[in-house]
Amino acid sequence: MKDTIISLLEGALAELKRQDVLPADLAPTIKVDPTKDKAHGDYATNLALMLAKPAGKKPRELAEALVAALPESDAVARVEIAGPGFVNFFAATDAAAQVVRQVLDAGDAFGRSLTGQGRKVQVEFVSANPTGPLHVGHGRGAAIGDCLCRLLEATGHDVTREFYYNDAGAQITNLALSVQARAKGIDPEDEGWPADGYRGGYIIDVANAYLAREAVHADDRHVTAKGDPEDLDAIRDFAVAYLRREQDLDLRAFGVEFDVYFLESSLYRDGKVEATAARLAEQGHTYEQDGATWLRTTDFGDDKDRVMRKSDGDFTYFLPDVAYHLDKWQRGFTTVINEQGADHHSTVTRVRAGLQALEAGIPQGWPDYVLHQMVMVTRSGVEVKLSKRAGSYVTVRDLIDEVGRDATRFFLAARRADSQLTFDIDLARSQSNDNPVYYVQYAHARVCSMLRRAEAAGQPFEAALATDSLGRLEAEQEKALMNRLARYPEVVEHAAATREPQQIAQYLLDLAAEFHSCYNAVKVMVEDDALRNARMALFLAARQVLRNGLDLMGVGAPEEM
């Protein structure tokens, strides 16, 4: 309907140009939006207000000219001018009902498009250090990142999901030393405990498994423990593999999978960090100071220059980040999106500056970033801080065990990434309309229940009769629901383009609200066969779009609640 109105306005503009009411070279962007108050129609445009000045007319006068120049259309019941010059469109019932046919015909494909034209996109998300269980912040990144991938795929992109393992550096050494200490019977309170050791109970599990010479099978490695508490290298290899397997299991329970697992250690093993350092030096963007090697990132928008190699000869974490992203570019990913925690905010400018300093043809502002804020978990209004397993934070598995995968995913992805999130365990567990995921899933289940009752009453859905009778859907709540259904493809496209999966969650809540309002206002199981089937078709279309949207969030669509 929105596209139809835009087309009609384009026709009116062409006519007004022909009449010399508007300049011939005028090429405005026509904006048509759904109205908030249905008394003002279904859609409205402020085009007359935008063009009044170039036309040399008062906005309302130009609005009258626009309406007079609109081509005839059966899709529009009437057009009204409101306020200083807004033009409101009231959709004809038959035209509004076309969306029901479109949804039922397209099924799972409704809302999907080919706007991405098969372009390659790499989305890196989670990328947790393999030093412990995934915490709730990783969970938020997993939910947002996976929803974003689903959105991009739904809009025709060729998506690669990537997990970057920081399996090199001081944190891995601290992990190995912690496991070694536990293997030797040393507790965190003992004098011999490593200064920066990990204290969670999971370290005991790793140490016991190592001493028992267990075999670990992670996604890309198989390690059998040696059992020797003095062999720190063997402990390191086993601990990393063990915790990677644990993270894999957590992600699988969360319904998240990856196409590529990229190891930081491979950048060193394959000489890519050294090669990146050499290329930066060749481009003349490095200098020596205080025994360290610096990169002039200030030449590329950074607030200060960055150390590449410390005075002890070790690289800073900044350089492997640049080498890693150069590798992404060389793999052909012209669009890369990094979904990370807000604590990575300072890395955005420096990584982009480092990439520009390479002079490798990488565009400014590449890659894209989606940064999420922290999550606070509460129960009974009190913050939950500890996990029995992790010892110092709430894990993703804790939440899944408490409230289920669906609620965990929905809650973590339903807010803007750049807003802080309070995860209320009590709300997520409740079976009430206050629980957003329950509210949406219940709408889907209500339609399924309606179908079962119709079958039991000997009045099953008749598609052909319903299709011929959609013009009978004249109630205000029915039109509101149809208009909401019609917006779904646009919401999907916009959410993908803006990298904002929470738009899908908000749409689903709005759709569920329109559905429940309509379901409560109109009676479905009426004696009139045509009207009954038309209403069943409308609710089946709502069920389909609810399912499609929930799928984009990785959330189930139950048939019973």
Protein backbone atom coordinates (compact mmCIF):
# COMPACT_ATOMS: atom_id res chain seq x y z
CA MET A 1 0.00 0.00 0.00
CA LYS A 2 2.84 2.37 0.83
CA ASP A 3 4.46 1.76 -2.55
CA THR A 4 1.11 2.35 -4.24
CA ILE A 5 0.71 5.72 -2.53
CA ILE A 6 4.26 6.74 -3.45
CA SER A 7 3.51 5.83 -7.06
CA LEU A 8 0.33 7.92 -6.98
CA LEU A 9 2.24 10.89 -5.56
CA GLU A 10 4.88 10.54 -8.27
CA GLY A 11 2.09 10.74 -10.82
CA ALA A 12 0.68 13.86 -9.14
CA LEU A 13 4.12 15.51 -9.13
CA ALA A 14 4.55 14.80 -12.84
CA GLU A 15 1.17 16.38 -13.56
CA LEU A 16 1.97 19.48 -11.47
CA LYS A 17 5.28 19.87 -13.32
CA ARG A 18 3.39 19.62 -16.62
CA GLN A 19 1.09 22.38 -15.35
CA ASP A 20 4.14 24.48 -14.32
CA VAL A 21 2.92 24.43 -10.73
CA LEU A 22 6.27 22.87 -9.75
CA PRO A 23 9.75 23.38 -11.26
CA ALA A 24 10.57 20.73 -13.84
CA ASP A 25 13.93 19.92 -12.22
CA LEU A 26 12.45 19.28 -8.79
CA ALA A 27 13.24 15.71 -7.60
CA PRO A 28 12.05 15.35 -4.00
CA THR A 29 12.29 12.20 -1.89
CA ILE A 30 8.70 11.21 -1.25
CA LYS A 31 8.16 10.15 2.35
CA VAL A 32 5.02 8.21 3.25
CA ASP A 33 4.52 6.95 6.81
CA PRO A 34 1.84 4.98 8.63
CA THR A 35 -0.36 7.21 10.75
CA LYS A 36 -0.41 6.86 14.53
CA ASP A 37 -4.06 7.84 14.78
CA LYS A 38 -6.30 5.85 12.44
CA ALA A 39 -8.77 8.76 12.44
CA HIS A 40 -6.18 10.41 10.21
CA GLY A 41 -6.14 7.56 7.73
CA ASP A 42 -3.73 4.68 7.18
CA TYR A 43 -0.80 6.59 5.65
CA ALA A 44 0.24 10.25 5.49
CA THR A 45 2.76 12.42 3.66
CA ASN A 46 4.23 15.84 4.37
CA LEU A 47 5.17 16.34 0.71
CA ALA A 48 3.16 19.57 0.37
CA LEU A 49 5.00 21.12 3.33
CA MET A 50 8.35 20.13 1.81
CA LEU A 51 7.56 21.58 -1.65
CA ALA A 52 5.63 24.69 -0.69
CA LYS A 53 8.66 26.99 -0.81
CA PRO A 54 10.03 25.89 -4.23
CA ALA A 55 6.47 25.98 -5.57
CA GLY A 56 5.90 29.48 -4.16
CA LYS A 57 2.61 28.40 -2.59
CA LYS A 58 1.17 27.95 0.87
CA PRO A 59 1.49 24.31 2.04
CA ARG A 60 -2.25 23.73 2.24
CA GLU A 61 -2.79 25.27 -1.19
CA LEU A 62 -0.14 22.95 -2.65
CA ALA A 63 -1.69 20.01 -0.81
CA GLU A 64 -4.99 20.73 -2.53
CA ALA A 65 -3.21 20.81 -5.90
CA LEU A 66 -1.47 17.51 -5.14
CA VAL A 67 -4.72 15.80 -4.20
CA ALA A 68 -6.43 17.14 -7.31
CA ALA A 69 -3.61 15.79 -9.48
CA LEU A 70 -3.57 12.28 -7.96
CA PRO A 71 -4.32 9.54 -10.52
CA GLU A 72 -7.42 7.43 -9.94
CA SER A 73 -6.83 4.29 -7.88
CA ASP A 74 -9.06 1.56 -6.49
CA ALA A 75 -6.50 1.09 -3.71
CA VAL A 76 -7.45 4.37 -2.01
CA ALA A 77 -10.89 4.88 -0.50
CA ARG A 78 -10.42 8.60 0.13
CA VAL A 79 -7.79 11.30 0.63
CA GLU A 80 -8.00 14.13 3.16
CA ILE A 81 -5.91 17.22 3.89
CA ALA A 82 -5.12 17.85 7.54
CA GLY A 83 -3.50 20.65 9.52
CA PRO A 84 -1.12 22.93 7.63
CA GLY A 85 -0.88 20.61 4.64
CA PHE A 86 -0.52 16.95 5.54
CA VAL A 87 -2.18 14.57 3.06
CA ASN A 88 -3.84 11.51 4.64
CA PHE A 89 -4.71 8.38 2.68
CA PHE A 90 -7.43 5.91 3.65
CA ALA A 91 -6.83 2.50 2.09
CA ALA A 92 -9.72 0.69 0.42
CA THR A 93 -10.59 -2.53 2.22
CA ASP A 94 -9.93 -4.71 -0.81
CA ALA A 95 -6.53 -3.13 -1.33
CA ALA A 96 -5.54 -3.44 2.32
CA ALA A 97 -6.57 -7.09 2.28
CA GLN A 98 -4.16 -7.89 -0.54
CA VAL A 99 -1.43 -8.33 2.06
CA VAL A 100 -3.28 -11.34 3.48
CA ARG A 101 -3.08 -13.07 0.09
CA GLN A 102 0.57 -12.08 -0.27
CA VAL A 103 1.52 -13.47 3.14
CA LEU A 104 -0.32 -16.76 2.66
CA ASP A 105 1.11 -17.20 -0.85
CA ALA A 106 4.69 -16.40 0.18
CA GLY A 107 4.66 -18.26 3.50
CA ASP A 108 8.12 -18.44 5.06
CA ALA A 109 9.49 -16.25 2.25
CA PHE A 110 7.29 -13.27 3.13
CA GLY A 111 9.51 -10.37 4.13
CA ARG A 112 12.58 -11.80 2.44
CA SER A 113 14.18 -9.99 -0.48
CA LEU A 114 17.18 -9.95 -2.81
CA THR A 115 18.24 -6.38 -2.04
CA GLY A 116 21.66 -7.65 -0.93
CA GLN A 117 22.24 -9.09 -4.41
CA GLY A 118 24.40 -11.88 -3.02
CA ARG A 119 27.07 -9.50 -1.71
CA LYS A 120 29.53 -11.10 0.68
CA VAL A 121 29.29 -9.95 4.30
CA GLN A 122 31.36 -11.21 7.18
CA VAL A 123 29.98 -10.79 10.68
CA GLU A 124 32.39 -11.37 13.55
CA PHE A 125 30.74 -11.77 16.94
CA VAL A 126 31.22 -13.28 20.40
CA SER A 127 35.01 -13.71 19.90
CA ALA A 128 35.49 -14.57 23.57
CA ASN A 129 38.88 -15.41 25.02
CA PRO A 130 39.05 -19.19 25.58
CA THR A 131 39.73 -18.67 29.27
CA GLY A 132 36.33 -19.42 30.81
CA PRO A 133 32.61 -19.92 30.25
CA LEU A 134 30.71 -17.38 28.16
CA HIS A 135 29.31 -14.61 30.33
CA VAL A 136 26.03 -12.77 29.81
CA GLY A 137 27.79 -10.02 27.85
CA HIS A 138 29.00 -12.63 25.37
CA GLY A 139 25.41 -13.85 25.29
CA ARG A 140 24.15 -10.43 24.28
CA GLY A 141 26.77 -10.30 21.54
CA ALA A 142 25.76 -13.78 20.39
CA ALA A 143 22.05 -12.90 20.25
CA ILE A 144 22.60 -9.59 18.44
CA GLY A 145 25.23 -11.00 16.08
CA ASP A 146 23.21 -14.06 15.12
CA CYS A 147 20.03 -12.00 14.59
CA LEU A 148 22.02 -9.61 12.41
CA CYS A 149 23.28 -12.53 10.31
CA ARG A 150 19.73 -13.82 9.90
CA LEU A 151 18.57 -10.36 8.84
CA LEU A 152 21.34 -10.00 6.27
CA GLU A 153 20.57 -13.46 4.86
CA ALA A 154 16.87 -12.56 4.70
CA THR A 155 17.77 -9.55 2.56
CA GLY A 156 19.83 -11.51 0.06
CA HIS A 157 23.39 -11.25 1.42
CA ASP A 158 25.98 -14.03 1.40
CA VAL A 159 26.86 -14.12 5.11
CA THR A 160 29.89 -15.66 6.83
CA ARG A 161 29.76 -15.98 10.62
CA GLU A 162 33.20 -15.74 12.23
CA PHE A 163 34.53 -16.25 15.76
CA TYR A 164 37.99 -14.84 16.55
CA TYR A 165 39.81 -16.71 19.29
CA ASN A 166 42.36 -14.68 21.28
CA ASP A 167 44.40 -17.79 21.97
CA ALA A 168 47.74 -15.98 22.28
CA GLY A 169 49.12 -13.61 24.88
CA ALA A 170 49.14 -13.04 28.62
CA GLN A 171 45.58 -14.22 29.31
CA ILE A 172 46.34 -17.70 27.96
CA THR A 173 49.50 -17.87 30.05
CA ASN A 174 47.45 -16.92 33.12
CA LEU A 175 44.94 -19.64 32.26
CA ALA A 176 47.70 -22.28 32.00
CA LEU A 177 49.27 -21.16 35.27
CA SER A 178 45.87 -21.29 37.00
CA VAL A 179 45.16 -24.84 35.82
CA GLN A 180 48.69 -25.89 36.75
CA ALA A 181 48.27 -24.48 40.24
CA ARG A 182 44.98 -26.37 40.71
CA ALA A 183 46.61 -29.53 39.36
CA LYS A 184 49.26 -29.16 42.06
CA GLY A 185 46.64 -28.70 44.76
CA ILE A 186 47.16 -24.95 45.18
CA ASP A 187 44.08 -22.85 46.05
CA PRO A 188 43.50 -19.16 45.18
CA GLU A 189 44.01 -18.30 48.86
CA ASP A 190 47.41 -20.02 48.96
CA GLU A 191 50.68 -18.16 48.67
CA GLY A 192 51.68 -19.92 45.46
CA TRP A 193 48.58 -18.89 43.48
CA PRO A 194 49.37 -16.93 40.27
CA ALA A 195 48.97 -13.17 40.70
CA ASP A 196 46.54 -12.88 37.77
CA GLY A 197 45.09 -16.38 38.00
CA TYR A 198 41.50 -17.35 37.20
CA ARG A 199 39.56 -18.31 40.33
CA GLY A 200 36.34 -19.82 38.97
CA GLY A 201 35.30 -23.34 39.87
CA TYR A 202 35.65 -24.36 36.22
CA ILE A 203 39.45 -24.23 36.63
CA ILE A 204 39.17 -27.18 39.01
CA ASP A 205 37.21 -29.09 36.35
CA VAL A 206 39.92 -28.40 33.76
CA ALA A 207 42.70 -29.44 36.14
CA ASN A 208 40.93 -32.67 37.11
CA ALA A 209 40.29 -33.53 33.47
CA TYR A 210 43.95 -32.87 32.65
CA LEU A 211 45.19 -35.08 35.50
CA ALA A 212 42.77 -37.81 34.39
CA ARG A 213 44.32 -37.66 30.89
CA GLU A 214 40.98 -36.99 29.25
CA ALA A 215 40.63 -36.39 25.51
CA VAL A 216 38.92 -33.20 24.35
CA HIS A 217 37.32 -32.73 20.94
CA ALA A 218 36.73 -29.08 20.03
CA ASP A 219 35.68 -27.79 16.62
CA ASP A 220 39.14 -27.67 15.11
CA ARG A 221 41.37 -29.63 17.46
CA HIS A 222 41.61 -32.87 19.40
CA VAL A 223 43.82 -32.87 22.48
CA THR A 224 44.58 -35.70 24.89
CA ALA A 225 45.90 -34.54 28.26
CA LYS A 226 49.34 -35.68 29.32
CA GLY A 227 48.51 -35.53 33.01
CA ASP A 228 51.92 -34.08 33.93
CA PRO A 229 51.41 -31.01 36.19
CA GLU A 230 54.92 -29.77 35.37
CA ASP A 231 54.36 -29.55 31.59
CA LEU A 232 52.98 -26.02 31.22
CA ASP A 233 52.82 -26.17 27.41
CA ALA A 234 50.73 -29.35 27.54
CA ILE A 235 48.48 -27.78 30.16
CA ARG A 236 48.05 -24.69 27.97
CA ASP A 237 47.04 -26.73 24.89
CA PHE A 238 44.61 -28.86 26.88
CA ALA A 239 43.05 -25.96 28.80
CA VAL A 240 42.40 -23.94 25.64
CA ALA A 241 40.84 -26.95 23.90
CA TYR A 242 38.76 -27.82 26.98
CA LEU A 243 37.33 -24.32 27.35
CA ARG A 244 36.78 -23.94 23.63
CA ARG A 245 34.69 -27.10 23.75
CA GLU A 246 32.73 -25.66 26.69
CA GLN A 247 32.07 -22.46 24.78
CA ASP A 248 31.02 -24.47 21.73
CA LEU A 249 28.50 -26.34 23.86
CA ASP A 250 27.19 -23.09 25.34
CA LEU A 251 26.74 -21.59 21.87
CA ARG A 252 25.05 -24.71 20.58
CA ALA A 253 22.61 -24.59 23.49
CA PHE A 254 21.99 -20.96 22.48
CA GLY A 255 21.30 -21.91 18.87
CA VAL A 256 24.36 -20.10 17.49
CA GLU A 257 26.79 -21.61 14.99
CA PHE A 258 29.81 -20.25 13.13
CA ASP A 259 31.27 -20.84 9.69
CA VAL A 260 34.83 -19.86 10.59
CA TYR A 261 36.86 -20.06 13.80
CA PHE A 262 39.92 -17.86 13.37
CA LEU A 263 42.86 -18.23 15.76
CA GLU A 264 44.93 -15.25 16.83
CA SER A 265 47.88 -17.63 17.14
CA SER A 266 47.68 -18.36 13.40
CA LEU A 267 48.54 -14.73 12.66
CA TYR A 268 51.88 -15.23 14.40
CA ARG A 269 52.40 -18.76 13.08
CA ASP A 270 51.82 -17.67 9.48
CA GLY A 271 53.97 -14.53 9.80
CA LYS A 272 51.07 -12.16 9.19
CA VAL A 273 51.77 -9.96 12.21
CA GLU A 274 55.41 -9.48 11.18
CA ALA A 275 54.37 -8.86 7.56
CA THR A 276 51.86 -6.21 8.67
CA ALA A 277 54.49 -4.47 10.78
CA ALA A 278 56.89 -4.49 7.84
CA ARG A 279 54.28 -3.06 5.47
CA LEU A 280 53.46 -0.23 7.85
CA ALA A 281 57.15 0.59 8.11
CA GLU A 282 57.53 0.50 4.31
CA GLN A 283 54.72 3.03 3.94
CA GLY A 284 56.67 5.41 6.19
CA HIS A 285 54.11 5.63 8.98
CA THR A 286 56.21 4.27 11.85
CA TYR A 287 58.90 5.75 14.10
CA GLU A 288 61.07 4.74 17.05
CA GLN A 289 60.71 6.32 20.48
CA ASP A 290 61.80 5.19 23.96
CA GLY A 291 62.91 1.86 22.52
CA ALA A 292 59.43 1.11 21.12
CA THR A 293 58.02 1.20 17.58
CA TRP A 294 55.08 3.55 17.10
CA LEU A 295 52.51 3.98 14.33
CA ARG A 296 51.40 7.51 13.39
CA THR A 297 47.70 6.76 13.72
CA THR A 298 47.08 10.48 14.32
CA ASP A 299 47.63 10.94 10.59
CA PHE A 300 44.46 8.91 10.09
CA GLY A 301 42.09 10.38 12.67
CA ASP A 302 43.26 8.79 15.94
CA ASP A 303 43.63 11.00 19.01
CA LYS A 304 47.18 9.83 19.65
CA ASP A 305 49.82 7.60 18.07
CA ARG A 306 49.87 3.91 19.06
CA VAL A 307 52.66 1.59 20.09
CA MET A 308 53.10 -1.35 17.71
CA ARG A 309 56.01 -3.09 19.33
CA LYS A 310 57.00 -2.56 22.96
CA SER A 311 60.54 -1.97 24.13
CA ASP A 312 60.79 -5.65 25.16
CA GLY A 313 60.17 -6.67 21.55
CA ASP A 314 56.62 -7.98 22.01
CA PHE A 315 53.81 -6.67 19.83
CA THR A 316 50.88 -4.85 21.44
CA TYR A 317 47.40 -6.29 20.85
CA PHE A 318 46.76 -3.42 18.42
CA LEU A 319 48.99 -4.85 15.71
CA PRO A 320 47.47 -8.35 15.47
CA ASP A 321 44.06 -6.63 15.30
CA VAL A 322 45.24 -4.75 12.20
CA ALA A 323 46.80 -7.91 10.72
CA TYR A 324 43.56 -9.81 11.34
CA HIS A 325 41.44 -7.22 9.57
CA LEU A 326 43.86 -7.04 6.67
CA ASP A 327 43.36 -10.79 6.37
CA LYS A 328 39.58 -10.26 6.28
CA TRP A 329 39.98 -7.74 3.46
CA GLN A 330 42.28 -10.09 1.54
CA ARG A 331 39.67 -12.83 1.87
CA GLY A 332 37.34 -10.66 -0.22
CA PHE A 333 35.03 -9.27 2.46
CA THR A 334 34.30 -5.73 1.34
CA THR A 335 31.64 -5.53 4.06
CA VAL A 336 32.68 -6.59 7.55
CA ILE A 337 30.63 -6.03 10.70
CA ASN A 338 32.20 -6.52 14.12
CA GLU A 339 29.69 -7.05 16.92
CA GLN A 340 31.58 -6.44 20.17
CA GLY A 341 31.19 -5.10 23.68
CA ALA A 342 31.29 -1.37 24.32
CA ASP A 343 34.71 -1.82 25.98
CA HIS A 344 36.07 -2.18 22.42
CA HIS A 345 34.99 1.38 21.57
CA SER A 346 38.54 2.69 21.67
CA THR A 347 39.73 0.04 19.22
CA VAL A 348 37.43 1.26 16.44
CA THR A 349 39.40 4.37 15.55
CA ARG A 350 42.84 2.81 16.00
CA VAL A 351 42.09 -0.30 13.93
CA ARG A 352 40.63 1.80 11.12
CA ALA A 353 43.65 4.13 11.31
CA GLY A 354 46.04 1.16 11.17
CA LEU A 355 44.27 -0.20 8.12
CA GLN A 356 44.48 3.16 6.36
CA ALA A 357 48.20 3.33 7.14
CA LEU A 358 48.69 0.07 5.23
CA GLU A 359 47.62 1.89 2.03
CA ALA A 360 46.06 -1.34 0.79
CA GLY A 361 43.01 0.19 -0.88
CA ILE A 362 40.79 -0.35 2.16
CA PRO A 363 38.00 2.29 2.34
CA GLN A 364 37.86 4.76 5.20
CA GLY A 365 35.40 3.74 7.88
CA TRP A 366 35.95 0.03 7.21
CA PRO A 367 35.00 -2.20 8.99
CA ASP A 368 31.56 -1.48 10.47
CA TYR A 369 31.03 -1.91 14.21
CA VAL A 370 27.99 -2.71 16.34
CA LEU A 371 28.92 -2.23 20.01
CA HIS A 372 26.66 -3.48 22.79
CA GLN A 373 26.44 -2.12 26.32
CA MET A 374 26.64 -4.12 29.52
CA VAL A 375 23.92 -6.41 30.87
CA MET A 376 22.77 -6.43 34.49
CA VAL A 377 20.93 -9.56 35.63
CA THR A 378 18.37 -9.19 38.42
CA ARG A 379 16.19 -11.52 40.47
CA SER A 380 13.51 -10.15 42.83
CA GLY A 381 14.83 -6.68 42.08
CA VAL A 382 18.35 -7.52 43.25
CA GLU A 383 21.36 -7.78 40.95
CA VAL A 384 22.70 -11.31 40.41
CA LYS A 385 26.49 -11.18 40.15
CA LEU A 386 27.86 -14.66 40.72
CA SER A 387 27.74 -18.04 39.04
CA LYS A 388 28.63 -21.29 40.79
CA ARG A 389 30.52 -22.30 37.67
CA ALA A 390 32.31 -19.05 36.82
CA GLY A 391 32.66 -17.69 40.33
CA SER A 392 32.65 -14.03 39.36
CA TYR A 393 29.95 -13.45 36.72
CA VAL A 394 26.65 -14.73 35.33
CA THR A 395 27.08 -17.13 32.41
CA VAL A 396 24.96 -17.63 29.33
CA ARG A 397 24.29 -21.18 30.45
CA ASP A 398 22.96 -19.86 33.78
CA LEU A 399 20.34 -17.82 31.93
CA ILE A 400 19.40 -20.61 29.53
CA ASP A 401 18.97 -23.01 32.46
CA GLU A 402 16.88 -20.44 34.33
CA VAL A 403 14.54 -19.08 31.65
CA GLY A 404 15.10 -21.12 28.47
CA ARG A 405 16.77 -20.32 25.18
CA ASP A 406 13.87 -18.41 23.62
CA ALA A 407 13.48 -15.91 26.45
CA THR A 408 17.24 -15.48 26.78
CA ARG A 409 17.71 -14.71 23.09
CA PHE A 410 14.69 -12.41 22.85
CA PHE A 411 15.57 -10.41 25.97
CA LEU A 412 19.22 -9.97 24.94
CA ALA A 413 18.41 -8.81 21.40
CA ALA A 414 15.23 -6.81 22.03
CA ARG A 415 16.91 -3.55 23.03
CA ARG A 416 19.21 -1.23 21.08
CA ALA A 417 22.75 -2.55 21.33
CA ASP A 418 24.04 0.81 22.58
CA SER A 419 21.61 0.86 25.52
CA GLN A 420 22.31 -0.81 28.84
CA LEU A 421 20.12 -3.81 29.50
CA THR A 422 18.57 -5.13 32.69
CA PHE A 423 17.73 -8.81 32.36
CA ASP A 424 14.91 -9.51 34.82
CA ILE A 425 14.90 -13.27 35.46
CA ASP A 426 11.49 -13.14 37.16
CA LEU A 427 9.95 -11.35 34.17
CA ALA A 428 11.58 -13.73 31.69
CA ARG A 429 10.14 -16.71 33.56
CA SER A 430 6.64 -15.28 33.92
CA GLN A 431 3.74 -16.43 31.77
CA SER A 432 2.05 -13.07 31.47
CA ASN A 433 1.53 -10.32 28.94
CA ASP A 434 4.22 -8.32 30.71
CA ASN A 435 6.78 -10.83 29.44
CA PRO A 436 7.49 -9.67 25.85
CA VAL A 437 8.56 -13.04 24.44
CA TYR A 438 5.57 -14.78 26.03
CA TYR A 439 3.26 -12.06 24.66
CA VAL A 440 4.52 -12.60 21.10
CA GLN A 441 4.62 -16.40 21.27
CA TYR A 442 1.14 -16.49 22.81
CA ALA A 443 -0.23 -14.62 19.78
CA HIS A 444 1.14 -17.38 17.54
CA ALA A 445 -0.24 -20.11 19.80
CA ARG A 446 -3.71 -18.48 19.88
CA VAL A 447 -4.03 -18.82 16.11
CA CYS A 448 -3.02 -22.48 16.32
CA SER A 449 -5.65 -22.99 19.02
CA MET A 450 -8.24 -21.30 16.81
CA LEU A 451 -7.49 -23.73 13.99
CA ARG A 452 -7.81 -26.72 16.29
CA ARG A 453 -11.19 -25.50 17.53
CA ALA A 454 -12.40 -24.93 13.98
CA GLU A 455 -11.38 -28.45 12.99
CA ALA A 456 -13.11 -29.89 16.05
CA ALA A 457 -16.29 -27.96 15.18
CA GLY A 458 -16.29 -29.32 11.63
CA GLN A 459 -15.55 -25.87 10.18
CA PRO A 460 -11.98 -26.18 8.86
CA PHE A 461 -10.30 -23.32 7.02
CA GLU A 462 -11.27 -23.08 3.34
CA ALA A 463 -8.54 -21.16 1.49
CA ALA A 464 -10.48 -20.54 -1.72
CA LEU A 465 -13.52 -19.16 0.09
CA ALA A 466 -11.29 -17.02 2.31
CA THR A 467 -9.44 -15.51 -0.66
CA ASP A 468 -12.70 -14.53 -2.32
CA SER A 469 -14.06 -12.99 0.89
CA LEU A 470 -11.23 -10.77 2.15
CA GLY A 471 -13.22 -7.67 1.23
CA ARG A 472 -15.46 -8.52 4.20
CA LEU A 473 -12.67 -7.49 6.61
CA GLU A 474 -14.02 -4.03 7.36
CA ALA A 475 -13.58 -3.69 11.14
CA GLU A 476 -11.15 -1.03 12.33
CA GLN A 477 -9.07 -3.65 14.19
CA GLU A 478 -8.90 -5.84 11.08
CA LYS A 479 -7.60 -2.99 8.94
CA ALA A 480 -5.05 -2.05 11.62
CA LEU A 481 -3.77 -5.63 11.68
CA MET A 482 -3.55 -5.79 7.88
CA ASN A 483 -1.64 -2.51 7.75
CA ARG A 484 0.78 -3.82 10.37
CA LEU A 485 1.35 -7.00 8.34
CA ALA A 486 2.07 -4.91 5.26
CA ARG A 487 4.93 -3.10 7.02
CA TYR A 488 6.92 -6.25 7.80
CA PRO A 489 9.09 -6.39 4.62
CA GLU A 490 10.07 -2.75 5.06
CA VAL A 491 10.98 -3.34 8.72
CA VAL A 492 13.19 -6.31 7.79
CA GLU A 493 14.99 -4.31 5.12
CA HIS A 494 15.47 -1.30 7.38
CA ALA A 495 16.67 -3.40 10.34
CA ALA A 496 19.26 -5.09 8.14
CA ALA A 497 20.44 -1.82 6.60
CA THR A 498 20.80 -0.06 9.95
CA ARG A 499 22.25 -3.13 11.74
CA GLU A 500 19.49 -2.96 14.36
CA PRO A 501 17.89 -6.36 15.09
CA GLN A 502 15.87 -4.86 17.93
CA GLN A 503 13.58 -3.36 15.28
CA ILE A 504 12.29 -6.88 14.61
CA ALA A 505 11.56 -7.41 18.31
CA GLN A 506 9.65 -4.13 18.48
CA TYR A 507 7.72 -4.95 15.31
CA LEU A 508 6.73 -8.35 16.73
CA LEU A 509 5.46 -6.71 19.91
CA ASP A 510 3.44 -4.21 17.86
CA LEU A 511 2.09 -6.98 15.64
CA ALA A 512 1.17 -9.11 18.65
CA ALA A 513 -0.65 -6.12 20.17
CA GLU A 514 -2.62 -5.53 16.94
CA PHE A 515 -3.44 -9.23 16.75
CA HIS A 516 -4.63 -9.56 20.36
CA SER A 517 -6.72 -6.39 19.97
CA CYS A 518 -8.32 -7.72 16.80
CA TYR A 519 -8.81 -11.23 18.17
CA ASN A 520 -10.59 -9.83 21.21
CA ALA A 521 -12.72 -7.40 19.18
CA VAL A 522 -14.08 -9.60 16.38
CA LYS A 523 -15.62 -13.04 16.61
CA VAL A 524 -14.04 -15.64 14.33
CA MET A 525 -16.37 -18.64 14.69
CA VAL A 526 -19.45 -17.05 13.14
CA GLU A 527 -22.12 -18.82 11.10
CA ASP A 528 -21.33 -16.73 8.00
CA ASP A 529 -18.89 -19.03 6.15
CA ALA A 530 -17.36 -16.27 4.05
CA LEU A 531 -16.72 -13.93 6.97
CA ARG A 532 -15.43 -16.74 9.19
CA ASN A 533 -12.91 -17.88 6.61
CA ALA A 534 -11.81 -14.33 5.80
CA ARG A 535 -11.04 -13.72 9.47
CA MET A 536 -9.28 -17.06 9.76
CA ALA A 537 -7.15 -16.09 6.75
CA LEU A 538 -6.22 -12.79 8.41
CA PHE A 539 -5.16 -14.55 11.59
CA LEU A 540 -3.27 -17.20 9.64
CA ALA A 541 -1.37 -14.40 7.92
CA ALA A 542 -0.59 -12.89 11.33
CA ARG A 543 0.64 -16.28 12.54
CA GLN A 544 2.90 -16.59 9.49
CA VAL A 545 4.49 -13.17 9.98
CA LEU A 546 4.93 -13.79 13.70
CA ARG A 547 6.73 -17.03 12.89
CA ASN A 548 8.89 -15.36 10.24
CA GLY A 549 9.90 -12.59 12.63
CA LEU A 550 10.59 -14.94 15.52
CA ASP A 551 12.77 -17.00 13.22
CA LEU A 552 14.88 -13.93 12.45
CA MET A 553 15.49 -13.66 16.19
CA GLY A 554 16.27 -17.35 16.53
CA VAL A 555 13.22 -17.79 18.74
CA GLY A 556 10.67 -20.59 18.48
CA ALA A 557 7.01 -20.22 17.52
CA PRO A 558 5.12 -22.67 19.77
CA GLU A 559 1.70 -24.00 18.84
CA GLU A 560 0.66 -24.36 22.48
CA MET A 561 1.58 -22.34 25.57
